[in-house]
Amino acid sequence: MSDAPAPQSGPPRSAVRQLAATAEEAGQRLDRFVAKALPQVPLSHVFRLIRKGEVRVNGKRAAGSRRLLAGDIVRLPPVRTLPPAGEAGAGPAPRRVPPKLVEEICAAIIHRDASLLVVNKPAGVAVHGGSGVSFGVIEALRAAFPDETLELAHRLDRDTSGCLLVARKASALRTLHALLREHEFEKRYLALLVGKWELGKKRIDSPLRTDLRFKGERTVRVQAGGKSAISDFRPVQFFGRTATLVEVSIRTGRTHQIRVHAAHAGHPVAGDDKYGDAQANEALAACGLRRMFLHASSVSFVWPQSGTEFSANAPLPPDLAEVIDRLAATPVRGPRSPRRAAPRRAR
């Protein structure tokens, strides 16, 4: 008679996950947060997990009605998300992350240590699945590192390339979110803006409404009463009146912050089809611009436990570097800065 353990029936349990509530999720009820994180788990089971104390917030039991704060760490226990094949209610097997995406993301890792991974995220790849996208960077990494509990430390827009930090430990995730809350985490971007930027070094401190919808699509606007948002712009290279390459450092991490602040200043991000200038984008396409020119070029911070400085840099992708080379060689005749092109008021 064999002493080997009997195989478990049904699908394997998921790994323990540690999720950090973002600033956008602050104020959300715990039960709703967990239900969103476990979309294939029945609500009745979500409520039971919370009642039994298997879901923890910052290491402690919490009621489902608890309102989360930005940076709260929510522990999700192992769960079975689908019933065994053949049983009533059994759905299709979960889709597998495409090997090509896993290979692409693994090749984009520019730093790894015991606490975190840094990925030079390709443009066009979402950071996580959802909103019509099955898989993103985090799903690809979890497929590549199945024995680890990986969580996003922050997010980037789908069309933005560059530095993306992924925590390999819950302690690292808590530290990074604390640094973000205290504005001790520096993120710098390179952006090509439409027109000639004549504002010099400029801080834009304009609140943003991030909860607006237009035709069912999320949109962000500068609006009094919105969330605090601060962006520092510094011109790097001018291309006549056509465009300006700028470095942007953000003190806050609001949705679409740089794009909306740039447009608010009268110089939208080149290639931005949501907040940008369609005529300018068409002109810049002659220089090979096929997507939004926004790249997270570097991140830096100091680990508070050791005092060690950390920094990572992602070079400008070849497609964006080629646009800069073409602009420098043969500047296109695009429209003037939107701010300057505005007609004067009749006296």
Protein backbone atom coordinates (compact mmCIF):
# COMPACT_ATOMS: atom_id res chain seq x y z
CA MET A 1 0.00 0.00 0.00
CA SER A 2 1.48 3.31 -1.01
CA ASP A 3 2.21 5.98 1.61
CA ALA A 4 2.06 8.74 -1.02
CA PRO A 5 -0.58 11.39 -0.29
CA ALA A 6 -3.74 11.16 -2.30
CA PRO A 7 -3.89 13.74 -5.08
CA GLN A 8 -6.15 16.71 -4.43
CA SER A 9 -9.31 16.92 -6.48
CA GLY A 10 -10.28 20.11 -8.21
CA PRO A 11 -8.13 23.00 -9.38
CA PRO A 12 -5.12 24.02 -7.27
CA ARG A 13 -5.45 26.88 -4.82
CA SER A 14 -4.06 30.26 -5.72
CA ALA A 15 -1.05 31.62 -3.85
CA VAL A 16 -1.38 34.04 -0.94
CA ARG A 17 -1.46 37.59 -2.29
CA GLN A 18 -0.63 40.91 -0.65
CA LEU A 19 -2.35 43.86 -2.32
CA ALA A 20 -1.79 47.50 -1.46
CA ALA A 21 -4.76 49.86 -1.67
CA THR A 22 -3.88 52.72 -4.01
CA ALA A 23 -4.81 56.36 -3.62
CA GLU A 24 -7.59 55.75 -6.15
CA GLU A 25 -8.96 52.92 -3.98
CA ALA A 26 -8.84 54.85 -0.71
CA GLY A 27 -12.27 54.94 0.92
CA GLN A 28 -13.40 51.69 -0.73
CA ARG A 29 -15.04 49.03 1.46
CA LEU A 30 -12.90 45.99 2.17
CA ASP A 31 -15.51 43.52 0.89
CA ARG A 32 -15.79 45.37 -2.41
CA PHE A 33 -12.00 45.57 -2.73
CA VAL A 34 -11.67 41.81 -2.19
CA ALA A 35 -14.55 41.00 -4.56
CA LYS A 36 -12.86 43.03 -7.28
CA ALA A 37 -9.52 41.29 -6.63
CA LEU A 38 -11.19 37.85 -6.79
CA PRO A 39 -13.70 38.25 -9.64
CA GLN A 40 -14.24 34.48 -10.09
CA VAL A 41 -15.03 33.85 -6.41
CA PRO A 42 -18.72 34.00 -5.41
CA LEU A 43 -19.60 36.95 -3.18
CA SER A 44 -20.91 34.60 -0.50
CA HIS A 45 -17.46 33.02 -0.30
CA VAL A 46 -15.77 36.45 -0.21
CA PHE A 47 -17.94 37.44 2.78
CA ARG A 48 -17.14 34.12 4.50
CA LEU A 49 -13.39 34.60 4.03
CA ILE A 50 -13.64 38.03 5.66
CA ARG A 51 -15.81 36.80 8.54
CA LYS A 52 -13.41 33.93 9.27
CA GLY A 53 -10.47 36.36 9.41
CA GLU A 54 -8.67 34.83 6.45
CA VAL A 55 -8.55 38.26 4.82
CA ARG A 56 -6.28 40.58 6.79
CA VAL A 57 -5.59 44.30 6.62
CA ASN A 58 -2.10 45.28 7.75
CA GLY A 59 -1.83 41.88 9.42
CA LYS A 60 -5.08 42.16 11.41
CA ARG A 61 -8.67 40.97 11.04
CA ALA A 62 -11.08 43.56 9.65
CA ALA A 63 -14.79 43.85 8.98
CA GLY A 64 -16.08 43.89 5.42
CA SER A 65 -17.41 47.40 5.97
CA ARG A 66 -13.98 48.79 6.79
CA ARG A 67 -12.96 51.70 4.55
CA LEU A 68 -9.44 51.26 3.24
CA LEU A 69 -6.72 53.89 3.38
CA ALA A 70 -4.11 54.40 0.67
CA GLY A 71 -1.22 52.05 1.40
CA ASP A 72 -3.23 49.54 3.46
CA ILE A 73 -1.94 46.02 2.76
CA VAL A 74 -4.71 43.49 2.19
CA ARG A 75 -3.82 39.80 2.50
CA LEU A 76 -5.85 37.52 0.24
CA PRO A 77 -5.80 33.84 1.29
CA PRO A 78 -5.41 30.91 -1.11
CA VAL A 79 -8.70 30.26 -2.92
CA ARG A 80 -10.07 27.96 -5.59
CA THR A 81 -11.62 30.16 -8.24
CA LEU A 82 -13.29 27.48 -10.39
CA PRO A 83 -15.23 24.33 -9.44
CA PRO A 84 -13.81 20.95 -10.55
CA ALA A 85 -14.43 20.02 -14.19
CA GLY A 86 -17.75 18.29 -14.66
CA GLU A 87 -19.44 19.85 -11.65
CA ALA A 88 -22.40 22.17 -11.97
CA GLY A 89 -21.28 25.72 -12.61
CA ALA A 90 -17.87 24.67 -13.85
CA GLY A 91 -16.54 27.23 -16.31
CA PRO A 92 -13.82 27.04 -18.93
CA ALA A 93 -10.25 26.55 -17.80
CA PRO A 94 -8.49 29.84 -17.11
CA ARG A 95 -6.54 31.18 -20.06
CA ARG A 96 -2.79 30.80 -20.00
CA VAL A 97 -0.55 33.85 -20.31
CA PRO A 98 0.86 33.78 -23.86
CA PRO A 99 4.48 32.57 -23.79
CA LYS A 100 5.45 35.39 -26.15
CA LEU A 101 4.26 38.00 -23.60
CA VAL A 102 6.10 36.22 -20.77
CA GLU A 103 9.27 36.19 -22.86
CA GLU A 104 8.89 39.88 -23.78
CA ILE A 105 8.39 41.01 -20.17
CA CYS A 106 11.22 38.86 -18.81
CA ALA A 107 13.54 40.33 -21.45
CA ALA A 108 12.47 43.81 -20.28
CA ILE A 109 13.63 43.28 -16.67
CA ILE A 110 16.44 45.79 -16.10
CA HIS A 111 17.03 45.15 -12.39
CA ARG A 112 16.33 42.38 -9.93
CA ASP A 113 17.24 41.82 -6.31
CA ALA A 114 15.70 40.03 -3.34
CA SER A 115 13.13 42.78 -2.78
CA LEU A 116 12.03 43.98 -6.19
CA LEU A 117 12.08 43.77 -9.94
CA VAL A 118 12.29 46.75 -12.27
CA VAL A 119 10.78 46.31 -15.72
CA ASN A 120 11.31 48.63 -18.67
CA LYS A 121 7.64 48.29 -19.62
CA PRO A 122 6.99 48.26 -23.35
CA ALA A 123 4.40 50.71 -24.67
CA GLY A 124 1.08 49.12 -25.49
CA VAL A 125 1.27 46.54 -22.70
CA ALA A 126 -1.02 47.06 -19.71
CA VAL A 127 0.43 46.72 -16.22
CA HIS A 128 -2.35 44.27 -15.32
CA GLY A 129 -5.34 42.55 -16.90
CA GLY A 130 -8.78 44.15 -16.92
CA SER A 131 -10.85 46.59 -18.98
CA GLY A 132 -10.83 44.33 -22.01
CA VAL A 133 -7.21 43.21 -21.55
CA SER A 134 -6.70 39.61 -20.42
CA PHE A 135 -3.07 39.86 -19.34
CA GLY A 136 -0.50 42.49 -18.45
CA VAL A 137 2.97 42.81 -16.99
CA ILE A 138 2.09 41.43 -13.56
CA GLU A 139 0.35 38.32 -14.95
CA ALA A 140 3.33 37.62 -17.19
CA LEU A 141 5.75 37.95 -14.27
CA ARG A 142 3.64 35.68 -12.06
CA ALA A 143 3.69 33.09 -14.82
CA ALA A 144 7.48 33.40 -15.04
CA PHE A 145 7.96 33.31 -11.23
CA PRO A 146 5.14 30.99 -10.04
CA ASP A 147 6.65 30.41 -6.60
CA GLU A 148 6.74 34.12 -5.71
CA THR A 149 4.15 36.61 -4.50
CA LEU A 150 4.62 39.56 -6.85
CA GLU A 151 2.70 42.84 -6.61
CA LEU A 152 2.83 46.12 -8.51
CA ALA A 153 4.36 48.94 -6.47
CA HIS A 154 2.78 51.56 -8.77
CA ARG A 155 1.20 51.82 -12.20
CA LEU A 156 1.87 53.25 -15.65
CA ASP A 157 -0.62 54.01 -18.41
CA ARG A 158 -0.83 51.31 -21.04
CA ASP A 159 0.72 53.56 -23.72
CA THR A 160 3.51 54.80 -21.43
CA SER A 161 6.83 52.96 -21.52
CA GLY A 162 9.58 52.82 -18.92
CA CYS A 163 10.41 52.00 -15.31
CA LEU A 164 7.85 49.89 -13.47
CA LEU A 165 8.60 48.53 -9.99
CA VAL A 166 7.28 45.15 -8.83
CA ALA A 167 7.69 44.12 -5.18
CA ARG A 168 8.83 40.58 -4.41
CA LYS A 169 8.09 40.86 -0.70
CA ALA A 170 5.16 42.27 1.27
CA SER A 171 7.61 44.28 3.39
CA ALA A 172 9.08 45.89 0.27
CA LEU A 173 5.59 46.71 -0.99
CA ARG A 174 4.69 48.43 2.30
CA THR A 175 7.93 50.42 2.24
CA LEU A 176 7.49 51.58 -1.34
CA HIS A 177 3.92 52.70 -0.74
CA ALA A 178 4.99 54.57 2.39
CA LEU A 179 7.67 56.35 0.35
CA LEU A 180 5.10 57.24 -2.30
CA ARG A 181 2.72 58.65 0.31
CA GLU A 182 5.49 60.76 1.84
CA HIS A 183 6.69 61.99 -1.58
CA GLU A 184 10.11 60.40 -1.02
CA PHE A 185 9.95 58.35 -4.20
CA GLU A 186 11.19 60.27 -7.24
CA LYS A 187 9.81 59.41 -10.68
CA ARG A 188 11.10 61.20 -13.76
CA TYR A 189 9.64 61.06 -17.26
CA LEU A 190 10.66 62.21 -20.73
CA ALA A 191 7.84 63.67 -22.79
CA LEU A 192 7.69 65.34 -26.19
CA LEU A 193 5.28 68.26 -25.99
CA VAL A 194 3.57 70.02 -28.88
CA GLY A 195 4.87 73.52 -29.61
CA LYS A 196 7.73 75.53 -28.19
CA TRP A 197 7.71 75.43 -24.38
CA GLU A 198 8.51 78.98 -23.26
CA LEU A 199 7.65 78.57 -19.57
CA GLY A 200 11.15 77.57 -18.45
CA LYS A 201 11.25 75.40 -15.36
CA LYS A 202 7.62 75.28 -14.39
CA ARG A 203 5.72 73.67 -11.52
CA ILE A 204 2.09 72.96 -12.30
CA ASP A 205 0.10 72.60 -9.11
CA SER A 206 -3.45 72.03 -10.35
CA PRO A 207 -5.98 69.64 -8.75
CA LEU A 208 -7.38 66.84 -10.90
CA ARG A 209 -10.81 65.24 -11.00
CA THR A 210 -10.10 61.58 -11.75
CA ASP A 211 -13.60 60.16 -11.31
CA LEU A 212 -15.23 61.61 -14.43
CA ARG A 213 -16.70 59.62 -17.31
CA PHE A 214 -17.34 60.71 -20.88
CA LYS A 215 -19.24 58.31 -23.14
CA GLY A 216 -18.45 55.56 -20.67
CA GLU A 217 -14.70 56.23 -20.77
CA ARG A 218 -12.67 57.56 -17.89
CA THR A 219 -11.41 61.10 -18.33
CA VAL A 220 -9.40 63.42 -16.08
CA ARG A 221 -9.72 67.20 -15.85
CA VAL A 222 -8.14 70.08 -13.98
CA GLN A 223 -10.87 71.15 -11.62
CA ALA A 224 -11.13 72.89 -8.27
CA GLY A 225 -11.99 70.43 -5.56
CA GLY A 226 -10.10 67.63 -7.29
CA LYS A 227 -7.17 65.69 -5.86
CA SER A 228 -3.89 67.48 -5.33
CA ALA A 229 -1.53 67.01 -8.29
CA ILE A 230 1.95 68.51 -8.73
CA SER A 231 4.21 68.16 -11.79
CA ASP A 232 7.57 69.86 -12.41
CA PHE A 233 8.47 70.48 -16.08
CA ARG A 234 11.99 71.25 -17.35
CA PRO A 235 12.78 71.78 -21.05
CA VAL A 236 15.59 69.60 -22.40
CA GLN A 237 15.64 70.15 -26.18
CA PHE A 238 13.76 72.46 -28.54
CA PHE A 239 12.69 71.65 -32.10
CA GLY A 240 11.76 75.08 -33.40
CA ARG A 241 8.12 75.83 -32.80
CA THR A 242 7.18 72.24 -33.58
CA ALA A 243 7.88 70.45 -30.32
CA THR A 244 9.89 70.44 -27.09
CA LEU A 245 11.45 67.51 -25.26
CA VAL A 246 10.92 67.98 -21.52
CA GLU A 247 11.77 66.13 -18.33
CA VAL A 248 8.88 65.84 -15.90
CA SER A 249 9.15 64.98 -12.22
CA ILE A 250 5.89 64.21 -10.47
CA ARG A 251 5.23 64.75 -6.79
CA THR A 252 1.92 62.90 -6.95
CA GLY A 253 0.77 59.95 -9.02
CA ARG A 254 -2.70 60.80 -10.27
CA THR A 255 -4.24 59.08 -13.26
CA HIS A 256 -3.11 60.73 -16.54
CA GLN A 257 -1.43 63.47 -14.47
CA ILE A 258 1.36 64.48 -16.86
CA ARG A 259 -0.90 64.31 -19.91
CA VAL A 260 -3.58 66.51 -18.37
CA HIS A 261 -1.14 69.01 -16.83
CA ALA A 262 0.72 69.33 -20.14
CA ALA A 263 -2.51 69.95 -22.05
CA HIS A 264 -3.60 72.43 -19.38
CA ALA A 265 -0.36 74.37 -19.97
CA GLY A 266 -1.17 74.55 -23.69
CA HIS A 267 1.42 71.97 -24.75
CA PRO A 268 -0.17 68.50 -24.91
CA VAL A 269 1.95 65.36 -25.08
CA ALA A 270 2.73 64.46 -28.68
CA GLY A 271 0.82 61.44 -29.91
CA ASP A 272 -1.76 61.63 -27.12
CA ASP A 273 -5.08 60.84 -28.81
CA LYS A 274 -7.12 61.54 -25.67
CA TYR A 275 -5.93 64.94 -24.44
CA GLY A 276 -3.72 65.92 -27.35
CA ASP A 277 -3.79 67.93 -30.57
CA ALA A 278 -4.92 65.83 -33.55
CA GLN A 279 -3.43 68.23 -36.15
CA ALA A 280 -0.04 68.28 -34.42
CA ASN A 281 -0.06 64.50 -34.02
CA GLU A 282 -0.69 64.11 -37.75
CA ALA A 283 2.24 66.42 -38.55
CA LEU A 284 4.57 64.58 -36.17
CA ALA A 285 3.63 61.26 -37.73
CA ALA A 286 5.89 62.37 -40.61
CA CYS A 287 8.78 61.95 -38.16
CA GLY A 288 7.72 58.42 -37.34
CA LEU A 289 5.68 59.10 -34.20
CA ARG A 290 3.21 56.24 -33.95
CA ARG A 291 2.25 56.43 -30.28
CA MET A 292 2.17 58.74 -27.28
CA PHE A 293 5.64 60.12 -26.50
CA LEU A 294 5.77 59.56 -22.74
CA HIS A 295 8.49 57.47 -21.11
CA ALA A 296 9.21 56.80 -17.42
CA SER A 297 12.96 57.28 -17.60
CA SER A 298 14.04 56.80 -13.97
CA VAL A 299 13.02 56.05 -10.41
CA SER A 300 15.01 56.68 -7.24
CA PHE A 301 14.53 56.50 -3.49
CA VAL A 302 16.34 55.59 -0.28
CA TRP A 303 15.55 52.36 1.54
CA PRO A 304 14.70 53.65 5.05
CA GLN A 305 15.79 50.46 6.80
CA SER A 306 19.38 50.59 5.51
CA GLY A 307 19.77 54.13 4.22
CA THR A 308 20.87 52.66 0.87
CA GLU A 309 20.07 54.74 -2.19
CA PHE A 310 18.33 52.94 -5.04
CA SER A 311 17.97 54.14 -8.60
CA ALA A 312 17.07 52.60 -11.94
CA ASN A 313 17.12 54.10 -15.42
CA ALA A 314 15.38 53.01 -18.61
CA PRO A 315 16.80 54.36 -21.88
CA LEU A 316 14.47 55.95 -24.40
CA PRO A 317 13.01 53.17 -26.61
CA PRO A 318 14.33 53.01 -30.19
CA ASP A 319 11.03 54.18 -31.72
CA LEU A 320 11.01 57.37 -29.63
CA ALA A 321 14.76 57.95 -30.03
CA GLU A 322 14.27 57.79 -33.81
CA VAL A 323 11.59 60.48 -33.61
CA ILE A 324 14.03 62.77 -31.77
CA ASP A 325 16.73 62.11 -34.37
CA ARG A 326 14.38 62.93 -37.22
CA LEU A 327 13.13 66.10 -35.55
CA ALA A 328 16.69 67.24 -34.96
CA ALA A 329 17.70 66.51 -38.56
CA THR A 330 14.66 67.79 -40.45
CA PRO A 331 12.21 69.67 -38.22
CA VAL A 332 8.68 69.36 -39.55
CA ARG A 333 6.44 72.34 -40.14
CA GLY A 334 3.76 71.61 -37.61
CA PRO A 335 1.24 73.97 -36.04
CA ARG A 336 2.43 76.55 -33.58
CA SER A 337 1.91 76.10 -29.88
CA PRO A 338 -1.83 75.73 -29.18
CA ARG A 339 -1.60 78.51 -26.61
CA ARG A 340 -0.06 80.94 -29.10
CA ALA A 341 -2.34 79.85 -31.93
CA ALA A 342 -5.44 80.88 -29.99
CA PRO A 343 -7.16 83.86 -31.64
CA ARG A 344 -7.00 87.20 -29.90
CA ARG A 345 -10.14 88.58 -28.38
CA ALA A 346 -11.81 91.38 -30.32
CA ARG A 347 -11.56 94.75 -28.61
